[in-house]
Amino acid sequence: MKANIHPEYRSVVFHDTSVDAYFIVGSTLQTSRTIEWQDGKTYPYYPLDISSASHPVYTGKQRATNKEGRVAHFARKFGQVGRRKKEQA
């Protein structure tokens, strides 16, 4: 294997700003910002808009979706267009 071709793998603090949740995760992400963590160590810091702590699928607050599929909706809306011309002929 070639030496010095892999990015540095280190612990990074990810901050979900929508719910103010913090996670320390191993990552190769490069960031210039740092934060001092509760253990007194300084870690690279990366803010997130959404994570598993705030995403509706993971929190169980997902909206109920319409059970009718997109194809059925399209067929209901536009399915009669071709039939009208055939019936008139």
PDB file of N, CA and C in Angstrom:
ATOM      1  N   MET A   1       0.839  -1.192   0.000  1.00  0.00           N
ATOM      2  CA  MET A   1       0.000   0.000   0.000  1.00  0.00           C
ATOM      3  C   MET A   1       0.877   1.246   0.000  1.00  0.00           C
ATOM      4  N   LYS A   2       0.397   2.269  -0.644  1.00  0.00           N
ATOM      5  CA  LYS A   2       1.136   3.521  -0.690  1.00  0.00           C
ATOM      6  C   LYS A   2       0.958   4.267   0.627  1.00  0.00           C
ATOM      7  N   ALA A   3       2.005   4.908   1.050  1.00  0.00           N
ATOM      8  CA  ALA A   3       1.962   5.681   2.291  1.00  0.00           C
ATOM      9  C   ALA A   3       1.447   7.093   2.013  1.00  0.00           C
ATOM     10  N   ASN A   4       0.775   7.669   2.993  1.00  0.00           N
ATOM     11  CA  ASN A   4       0.331   9.065   2.984  1.00  0.00           C
ATOM     12  C   ASN A   4      -0.655   9.403   1.866  1.00  0.00           C
ATOM     13  N   ILE A   5      -1.504   8.468   1.478  1.00  0.00           N
ATOM     14  CA  ILE A   5      -2.520   8.778   0.472  1.00  0.00           C
ATOM     15  C   ILE A   5      -3.922   8.840   1.069  1.00  0.00           C
ATOM     16  N   HIS A   6      -4.086   8.371   2.285  1.00  0.00           N
ATOM     17  CA  HIS A   6      -5.400   8.355   2.911  1.00  0.00           C
ATOM     18  C   HIS A   6      -5.623   9.619   3.739  1.00  0.00           C
ATOM     19  N   PRO A   7      -6.857  10.145   3.763  1.00  0.00           N
ATOM     20  CA  PRO A   7      -7.130  11.331   4.586  1.00  0.00           C
ATOM     21  C   PRO A   7      -7.054  10.984   6.069  1.00  0.00           C
ATOM     22  N   GLU A   8      -6.837  12.000   6.871  1.00  0.00           N
ATOM     23  CA  GLU A   8      -6.733  11.809   8.319  1.00  0.00           C
ATOM     24  C   GLU A   8      -8.108  11.473   8.897  1.00  0.00           C
ATOM     25  N   TYR A   9      -8.181  10.367   9.615  1.00  0.00           N
ATOM     26  CA  TYR A   9      -9.419   9.943  10.272  1.00  0.00           C
ATOM     27  C   TYR A   9      -9.342  10.398  11.719  1.00  0.00           C
ATOM     28  N   ARG A  10     -10.333  11.177  12.161  1.00  0.00           N
ATOM     29  CA  ARG A  10     -10.302  11.747  13.513  1.00  0.00           C
ATOM     30  C   ARG A  10     -11.719  11.924  14.026  1.00  0.00           C
ATOM     31  N   SER A  11     -11.837  12.210  15.300  1.00  0.00           N
ATOM     32  CA  SER A  11     -13.146  12.479  15.903  1.00  0.00           C
ATOM     33  C   SER A  11     -13.554  13.910  15.588  1.00  0.00           C
ATOM     34  N   VAL A  12     -14.813  14.075  15.172  1.00  0.00           N
ATOM     35  CA  VAL A  12     -15.352  15.390  14.813  1.00  0.00           C
ATOM     36  C   VAL A  12     -16.668  15.577  15.558  1.00  0.00           C
ATOM     37  N   VAL A  13     -16.915  16.787  16.065  1.00  0.00           N
ATOM     38  CA  VAL A  13     -18.183  17.105  16.721  1.00  0.00           C
ATOM     39  C   VAL A  13     -19.130  17.655  15.662  1.00  0.00           C
ATOM     40  N   PHE A  14     -20.253  16.953  15.473  1.00  0.00           N
ATOM     41  CA  PHE A  14     -21.310  17.413  14.574  1.00  0.00           C
ATOM     42  C   PHE A  14     -22.417  18.014  15.428  1.00  0.00           C
ATOM     43  N   HIS A  15     -22.907  19.185  15.031  1.00  0.00           N
ATOM     44  CA  HIS A  15     -23.926  19.899  15.797  1.00  0.00           C
ATOM     45  C   HIS A  15     -25.175  20.052  14.946  1.00  0.00           C
ATOM     46  N   ASP A  16     -26.260  19.391  15.349  1.00  0.00           N
ATOM     47  CA  ASP A  16     -27.549  19.558  14.671  1.00  0.00           C
ATOM     48  C   ASP A  16     -28.164  20.833  15.224  1.00  0.00           C
ATOM     49  N   THR A  17     -28.127  21.899  14.437  1.00  0.00           N
ATOM     50  CA  THR A  17     -28.557  23.207  14.917  1.00  0.00           C
ATOM     51  C   THR A  17     -30.068  23.319  15.085  1.00  0.00           C
ATOM     52  N   SER A  18     -30.847  22.456  14.431  1.00  0.00           N
ATOM     53  CA  SER A  18     -32.302  22.560  14.538  1.00  0.00           C
ATOM     54  C   SER A  18     -32.824  22.078  15.890  1.00  0.00           C
ATOM     55  N   VAL A  19     -32.126  21.134  16.531  1.00  0.00           N
ATOM     56  CA  VAL A  19     -32.568  20.643  17.842  1.00  0.00           C
ATOM     57  C   VAL A  19     -31.480  20.797  18.901  1.00  0.00           C
ATOM     58  N   ASP A  20     -30.374  21.454  18.542  1.00  0.00           N
ATOM     59  CA  ASP A  20     -29.248  21.692  19.442  1.00  0.00           C
ATOM     60  C   ASP A  20     -28.704  20.388  20.027  1.00  0.00           C
ATOM     61  N   ALA A  21     -28.454  19.411  19.162  1.00  0.00           N
ATOM     62  CA  ALA A  21     -27.886  18.127  19.578  1.00  0.00           C
ATOM     63  C   ALA A  21     -26.463  18.014  19.038  1.00  0.00           C
ATOM     64  N   TYR A  22     -25.572  17.438  19.844  1.00  0.00           N
ATOM     65  CA  TYR A  22     -24.175  17.276  19.472  1.00  0.00           C
ATOM     66  C   TYR A  22     -23.830  15.790  19.395  1.00  0.00           C
ATOM     67  N   PHE A  23     -22.981  15.426  18.428  1.00  0.00           N
ATOM     68  CA  PHE A  23     -22.527  14.055  18.253  1.00  0.00           C
ATOM     69  C   PHE A  23     -21.025  14.073  17.997  1.00  0.00           C
ATOM     70  N   ILE A  24     -20.296  13.148  18.602  1.00  0.00           N
ATOM     71  CA  ILE A  24     -18.891  12.960  18.255  1.00  0.00           C
ATOM     72  C   ILE A  24     -18.824  11.705  17.404  1.00  0.00           C
ATOM     73  N   VAL A  25     -18.328  11.871  16.181  1.00  0.00           N
ATOM     74  CA  VAL A  25     -18.284  10.782  15.211  1.00  0.00           C
ATOM     75  C   VAL A  25     -16.917  10.781  14.543  1.00  0.00           C
ATOM     76  N   GLY A  26     -16.401   9.604  14.257  1.00  0.00           N
ATOM     77  CA  GLY A  26     -15.164   9.499  13.505  1.00  0.00           C
ATOM     78  C   GLY A  26     -15.401   9.898  12.061  1.00  0.00           C
ATOM     79  N   SER A  27     -14.542  10.763  11.519  1.00  0.00           N
ATOM     80  CA  SER A  27     -14.755  11.267  10.167  1.00  0.00           C
ATOM     81  C   SER A  27     -13.440  11.743   9.560  1.00  0.00           C
ATOM     82  N   THR A  28     -13.430  11.855   8.247  1.00  0.00           N
ATOM     83  CA  THR A  28     -12.292  12.441   7.533  1.00  0.00           C
ATOM     84  C   THR A  28     -12.602  13.865   7.087  1.00  0.00           C
ATOM     85  N   LEU A  29     -13.724  14.411   7.533  1.00  0.00           N
ATOM     86  CA  LEU A  29     -14.153  15.755   7.162  1.00  0.00           C
ATOM     87  C   LEU A  29     -13.106  16.787   7.575  1.00  0.00           C
ATOM     88  N   GLN A  30     -12.790  17.700   6.674  1.00  0.00           N
ATOM     89  CA  GLN A  30     -11.850  18.774   6.961  1.00  0.00           C
ATOM     90  C   GLN A  30     -12.631  20.042   7.281  1.00  0.00           C
ATOM     91  N   THR A  31     -12.383  20.624   8.427  1.00  0.00           N
ATOM     92  CA  THR A  31     -13.056  21.852   8.835  1.00  0.00           C
ATOM     93  C   THR A  31     -12.070  22.745   9.576  1.00  0.00           C
ATOM     94  N   SER A  32     -12.276  24.041   9.492  1.00  0.00           N
ATOM     95  CA  SER A  32     -11.373  24.979  10.158  1.00  0.00           C
ATOM     96  C   SER A  32     -11.880  25.374  11.541  1.00  0.00           C
ATOM     97  N   ARG A  33     -13.129  25.076  11.848  1.00  0.00           N
ATOM     98  CA  ARG A  33     -13.707  25.446  13.140  1.00  0.00           C
ATOM     99  C   ARG A  33     -13.453  24.353  14.173  1.00  0.00           C
ATOM    100  N   THR A  34     -13.282  24.753  15.425  1.00  0.00           N
ATOM    101  CA  THR A  34     -13.076  23.797  16.514  1.00  0.00           C
ATOM    102  C   THR A  34     -13.988  24.152  17.672  1.00  0.00           C
ATOM    103  N   ILE A  35     -14.167  23.182  18.569  1.00  0.00           N
ATOM    104  CA  ILE A  35     -14.984  23.388  19.754  1.00  0.00           C
ATOM    105  C   ILE A  35     -14.364  22.595  20.898  1.00  0.00           C
ATOM    106  N   GLU A  36     -14.424  23.160  22.101  1.00  0.00           N
ATOM    107  CA  GLU A  36     -13.942  22.427  23.272  1.00  0.00           C
ATOM    108  C   GLU A  36     -15.097  21.602  23.813  1.00  0.00           C
ATOM    109  N   TRP A  37     -14.868  20.306  23.942  1.00  0.00           N
ATOM    110  CA  TRP A  37     -15.910  19.373  24.365  1.00  0.00           C
ATOM    111  C   TRP A  37     -15.918  19.238  25.877  1.00  0.00           C
ATOM    112  N   GLN A  38     -16.888  18.528  26.413  1.00  0.00           N
ATOM    113  CA  GLN A  38     -17.075  18.362  27.851  1.00  0.00           C
ATOM    114  C   GLN A  38     -15.899  17.655  28.515  1.00  0.00           C
ATOM    115  N   ASP A  39     -15.152  16.854  27.758  1.00  0.00           N
ATOM    116  CA  ASP A  39     -14.007  16.142  28.330  1.00  0.00           C
ATOM    117  C   ASP A  39     -12.747  17.007  28.358  1.00  0.00           C
ATOM    118  N   GLY A  40     -12.855  18.266  27.942  1.00  0.00           N
ATOM    119  CA  GLY A  40     -11.735  19.187  27.962  1.00  0.00           C
ATOM    120  C   GLY A  40     -10.890  19.173  26.702  1.00  0.00           C
ATOM    121  N   LYS A  41     -11.146  18.249  25.797  1.00  0.00           N
ATOM    122  CA  LYS A  41     -10.391  18.176  24.547  1.00  0.00           C
ATOM    123  C   LYS A  41     -11.021  19.090  23.495  1.00  0.00           C
ATOM    124  N   THR A  42     -10.202  19.524  22.557  1.00  0.00           N
ATOM    125  CA  THR A  42     -10.673  20.351  21.451  1.00  0.00           C
ATOM    126  C   THR A  42     -10.836  19.467  20.218  1.00  0.00           C
ATOM    127  N   TYR A  43     -12.013  19.552  19.602  1.00  0.00           N
ATOM    128  CA  TYR A  43     -12.337  18.737  18.430  1.00  0.00           C
ATOM    129  C   TYR A  43     -12.712  19.644  17.262  1.00  0.00           C
ATOM    130  N   PRO A  44     -12.548  19.152  16.044  1.00  0.00           N
ATOM    131  CA  PRO A  44     -13.086  19.875  14.888  1.00  0.00           C
ATOM    132  C   PRO A  44     -14.609  19.938  15.010  1.00  0.00           C
ATOM    133  N   TYR A  45     -15.202  21.024  14.541  1.00  0.00           N
ATOM    134  CA  TYR A  45     -16.638  21.278  14.705  1.00  0.00           C
ATOM    135  C   TYR A  45     -17.281  21.463  13.341  1.00  0.00           C
ATOM    136  N   TYR A  46     -18.459  20.829  13.155  1.00  0.00           N
ATOM    137  CA  TYR A  46     -19.190  20.982  11.900  1.00  0.00           C
ATOM    138  C   TYR A  46     -20.684  21.083  12.195  1.00  0.00           C
ATOM    139  N   PRO A  47     -21.328  22.218  11.873  1.00  0.00           N
ATOM    140  CA  PRO A  47     -22.777  22.356  12.094  1.00  0.00           C
ATOM    141  C   PRO A  47     -23.576  21.672  10.982  1.00  0.00           C
ATOM    142  N   LEU A  48     -24.717  21.086  11.356  1.00  0.00           N
ATOM    143  CA  LEU A  48     -25.618  20.413  10.416  1.00  0.00           C
ATOM    144  C   LEU A  48     -26.998  21.041  10.491  1.00  0.00           C
ATOM    145  N   ASP A  49     -27.729  21.020   9.392  1.00  0.00           N
ATOM    146  CA  ASP A  49     -29.115  21.480   9.391  1.00  0.00           C
ATOM    147  C   ASP A  49     -30.053  20.395   9.890  1.00  0.00           C
ATOM    148  N   ILE A  50     -29.731  19.139   9.605  1.00  0.00           N
ATOM    149  CA  ILE A  50     -30.607  18.033   9.973  1.00  0.00           C
ATOM    150  C   ILE A  50     -29.760  16.786  10.215  1.00  0.00           C
ATOM    151  N   SER A  51     -30.178  15.976  11.167  1.00  0.00           N
ATOM    152  CA  SER A  51     -29.497  14.717  11.469  1.00  0.00           C
ATOM    153  C   SER A  51     -30.551  13.718  11.927  1.00  0.00           C
ATOM    154  N   SER A  52     -30.106  12.577  12.411  1.00  0.00           N
ATOM    155  CA  SER A  52     -31.055  11.574  12.894  1.00  0.00           C
ATOM    156  C   SER A  52     -31.816  12.066  14.126  1.00  0.00           C
ATOM    157  N   ALA A  53     -31.293  13.073  14.813  1.00  0.00           N
ATOM    158  CA  ALA A  53     -31.981  13.613  15.987  1.00  0.00           C
ATOM    159  C   ALA A  53     -33.157  14.505  15.614  1.00  0.00           C
ATOM    160  N   SER A  54     -33.182  15.008  14.373  1.00  0.00           N
ATOM    161  CA  SER A  54     -34.253  15.924  13.990  1.00  0.00           C
ATOM    162  C   SER A  54     -35.016  15.506  12.738  1.00  0.00           C
ATOM    163  N   HIS A  55     -34.548  14.506  12.015  1.00  0.00           N
ATOM    164  CA  HIS A  55     -35.220  14.099  10.776  1.00  0.00           C
ATOM    165  C   HIS A  55     -36.527  13.384  11.107  1.00  0.00           C
ATOM    166  N   PRO A  56     -37.632  13.745  10.457  1.00  0.00           N
ATOM    167  CA  PRO A  56     -38.937  13.159  10.769  1.00  0.00           C
ATOM    168  C   PRO A  56     -38.992  11.638  10.650  1.00  0.00           C
ATOM    169  N   VAL A  57     -38.247  11.056   9.755  1.00  0.00           N
ATOM    170  CA  VAL A  57     -38.266   9.599   9.605  1.00  0.00           C
ATOM    171  C   VAL A  57     -37.709   8.922  10.855  1.00  0.00           C
ATOM    172  N   TYR A  58     -36.664   9.484  11.439  1.00  0.00           N
ATOM    173  CA  TYR A  58     -36.023   8.880  12.599  1.00  0.00           C
ATOM    174  C   TYR A  58     -36.700   9.251  13.916  1.00  0.00           C
ATOM    175  N   THR A  59     -37.378  10.388  13.966  1.00  0.00           N
ATOM    176  CA  THR A  59     -38.012  10.815  15.212  1.00  0.00           C
ATOM    177  C   THR A  59     -39.427  10.293  15.359  1.00  0.00           C
ATOM    178  N   GLY A  60     -39.994   9.713  14.295  1.00  0.00           N
ATOM    179  CA  GLY A  60     -41.358   9.194  14.350  1.00  0.00           C
ATOM    180  C   GLY A  60     -42.408  10.263  14.137  1.00  0.00           C
ATOM    181  N   LYS A  61     -42.017  11.443  13.738  1.00  0.00           N
ATOM    182  CA  LYS A  61     -42.958  12.542  13.514  1.00  0.00           C
ATOM    183  C   LYS A  61     -43.186  12.774  12.026  1.00  0.00           C
ATOM    184  N   GLN A  62     -43.090  11.704  11.276  1.00  0.00           N
ATOM    185  CA  GLN A  62     -43.263  11.797   9.831  1.00  0.00           C
ATOM    186  C   GLN A  62     -44.717  12.065   9.499  1.00  0.00           C
ATOM    187  N   ARG A  63     -44.938  12.931   8.522  1.00  0.00           N
ATOM    188  CA  ARG A  63     -46.298  13.231   8.089  1.00  0.00           C
ATOM    189  C   ARG A  63     -46.899  12.007   7.425  1.00  0.00           C
ATOM    190  N   ALA A  64     -48.187  11.849   7.585  1.00  0.00           N
ATOM    191  CA  ALA A  64     -48.882  10.771   6.898  1.00  0.00           C
ATOM    192  C   ALA A  64     -48.965  11.134   5.423  1.00  0.00           C
ATOM    193  N   THR A  65     -48.502  10.245   4.591  1.00  0.00           N
ATOM    194  CA  THR A  65     -48.545  10.512   3.163  1.00  0.00           C
ATOM    195  C   THR A  65     -49.811   9.930   2.573  1.00  0.00           C
ATOM    196  N   ASN A  66     -50.198  10.457   1.453  1.00  0.00           N
ATOM    197  CA  ASN A  66     -51.376   9.975   0.757  1.00  0.00           C
ATOM    198  C   ASN A  66     -51.117   8.549   0.296  1.00  0.00           C
ATOM    199  N   LYS A  67     -52.031   7.644   0.574  1.00  0.00           N
ATOM    200  CA  LYS A  67     -51.824   6.243   0.225  1.00  0.00           C
ATOM    201  C   LYS A  67     -51.927   6.011  -1.272  1.00  0.00           C
ATOM    202  N   GLU A  68     -52.557   6.921  -1.966  1.00  0.00           N
ATOM    203  CA  GLU A  68     -52.661   6.798  -3.411  1.00  0.00           C
ATOM    204  C   GLU A  68     -51.319   7.155  -4.026  1.00  0.00           C
ATOM    205  N   GLY A  69     -50.862   6.341  -4.945  1.00  0.00           N
ATOM    206  CA  GLY A  69     -49.562   6.562  -5.564  1.00  0.00           C
ATOM    207  C   GLY A  69     -49.580   7.695  -6.564  1.00  0.00           C
ATOM    208  N   ARG A  70     -48.407   8.111  -6.969  1.00  0.00           N
ATOM    209  CA  ARG A  70     -48.264   9.202  -7.924  1.00  0.00           C
ATOM    210  C   ARG A  70     -48.833   8.820  -9.291  1.00  0.00           C
ATOM    211  N   VAL A  71     -48.647   7.566  -9.687  1.00  0.00           N
ATOM    212  CA  VAL A  71     -49.154   7.125 -10.987  1.00  0.00           C
ATOM    213  C   VAL A  71     -50.677   7.133 -10.990  1.00  0.00           C
ATOM    214  N   ALA A  72     -51.281   6.659  -9.905  1.00  0.00           N
ATOM    215  CA  ALA A  72     -52.741   6.647  -9.820  1.00  0.00           C
ATOM    216  C   ALA A  72     -53.293   8.073  -9.832  1.00  0.00           C
ATOM    217  N   HIS A  73     -52.607   8.975  -9.175  1.00  0.00           N
ATOM    218  CA  HIS A  73     -53.022  10.377  -9.162  1.00  0.00           C
ATOM    219  C   HIS A  73     -52.961  10.956 -10.580  1.00  0.00           C
ATOM    220  N   PHE A  74     -51.899  10.666 -11.295  1.00  0.00           N
ATOM    221  CA  PHE A  74     -51.755  11.136 -12.669  1.00  0.00           C
ATOM    222  C   PHE A  74     -52.854  10.553 -13.558  1.00  0.00           C
ATOM    223  N   ALA A  75     -53.113   9.251 -13.410  1.00  0.00           N
ATOM    224  CA  ALA A  75     -54.139   8.596 -14.228  1.00  0.00           C
ATOM    225  C   ALA A  75     -55.520   9.177 -13.946  1.00  0.00           C
ATOM    226  N   ARG A  76     -55.805   9.474 -12.694  1.00  0.00           N
ATOM    227  CA  ARG A  76     -57.097  10.054 -12.345  1.00  0.00           C
ATOM    228  C   ARG A  76     -57.231  11.456 -12.934  1.00  0.00           C
ATOM    229  N   LYS A  77     -56.148  12.204 -12.923  1.00  0.00           N
ATOM    230  CA  LYS A  77     -56.186  13.584 -13.384  1.00  0.00           C
ATOM    231  C   LYS A  77     -56.201  13.691 -14.911  1.00  0.00           C
ATOM    232  N   PHE A  78     -55.413  12.874 -15.585  1.00  0.00           N
ATOM    233  CA  PHE A  78     -55.255  13.003 -17.029  1.00  0.00           C
ATOM    234  C   PHE A  78     -55.724  11.784 -17.814  1.00  0.00           C
ATOM    235  N   GLY A  79     -56.207  10.762 -17.169  1.00  0.00           N
ATOM    236  CA  GLY A  79     -56.586   9.529 -17.844  1.00  0.00           C
ATOM    237  C   GLY A  79     -57.763   9.682 -18.783  1.00  0.00           C
ATOM    238  N   GLN A  80     -58.659  10.605 -18.528  1.00  0.00           N
ATOM    239  CA  GLN A  80     -59.846  10.790 -19.357  1.00  0.00           C
ATOM    240  C   GLN A  80     -59.569  11.611 -20.616  1.00  0.00           C
ATOM    241  N   VAL A  81     -58.440  12.243 -20.716  1.00  0.00           N
ATOM    242  CA  VAL A  81     -58.141  13.129 -21.843  1.00  0.00           C
ATOM    243  C   VAL A  81     -58.171  12.368 -23.160  1.00  0.00           C
ATOM    244  N   GLY A  82     -57.526  11.238 -23.260  1.00  0.00           N
ATOM    245  CA  GLY A  82     -57.492  10.460 -24.493  1.00  0.00           C
ATOM    246  C   GLY A  82     -58.813   9.789 -24.801  1.00  0.00           C
ATOM    247  N   ARG A  83     -59.579   9.434 -23.815  1.00  0.00           N
ATOM    248  CA  ARG A  83     -60.850   8.735 -24.006  1.00  0.00           C
ATOM    249  C   ARG A  83     -61.906   9.642 -24.627  1.00  0.00           C
ATOM    250  N   ARG A  84     -61.906  10.893 -24.287  1.00  0.00           N
ATOM    251  CA  ARG A  84     -62.910  11.823 -24.814  1.00  0.00           C
ATOM    252  C   ARG A  84     -62.814  11.922 -26.331  1.00  0.00           C
ATOM    253  N   LYS A  85     -61.615  11.990 -26.854  1.00  0.00           N
ATOM    254  CA  LYS A  85     -61.432  12.108 -28.299  1.00  0.00           C
ATOM    255  C   LYS A  85     -61.913  10.850 -29.014  1.00  0.00           C
ATOM    256  N   LYS A  86     -61.642   9.687 -28.431  1.00  0.00           N
ATOM    257  CA  LYS A  86     -62.048   8.431 -29.058  1.00  0.00           C
ATOM    258  C   LYS A  86     -63.566   8.275 -29.041  1.00  0.00           C
ATOM    259  N   GLU A  87     -64.216   8.704 -27.959  1.00  0.00           N
ATOM    260  CA  GLU A  87     -65.668   8.580 -27.838  1.00  0.00           C
ATOM    261  C   GLU A  87     -66.389   9.509 -28.810  1.00  0.00           C
ATOM    262  N   GLN A  88     -65.826  10.674 -29.088  1.00  0.00           N
ATOM    263  CA  GLN A  88     -66.456  11.637 -29.982  1.00  0.00           C
ATOM    264  C   GLN A  88     -66.352  11.214 -31.443  1.00  0.00           C
ATOM    265  N   ALA A  89     -65.384  10.403 -31.791  1.00  0.00           N
ATOM    266  CA  ALA A  89     -65.170  10.006 -33.192  1.00  0.00           C
ATOM    267  C   ALA A  89     -66.129   8.959 -33.668  1.00  0.00           C
TER     268      ALA A  89
END
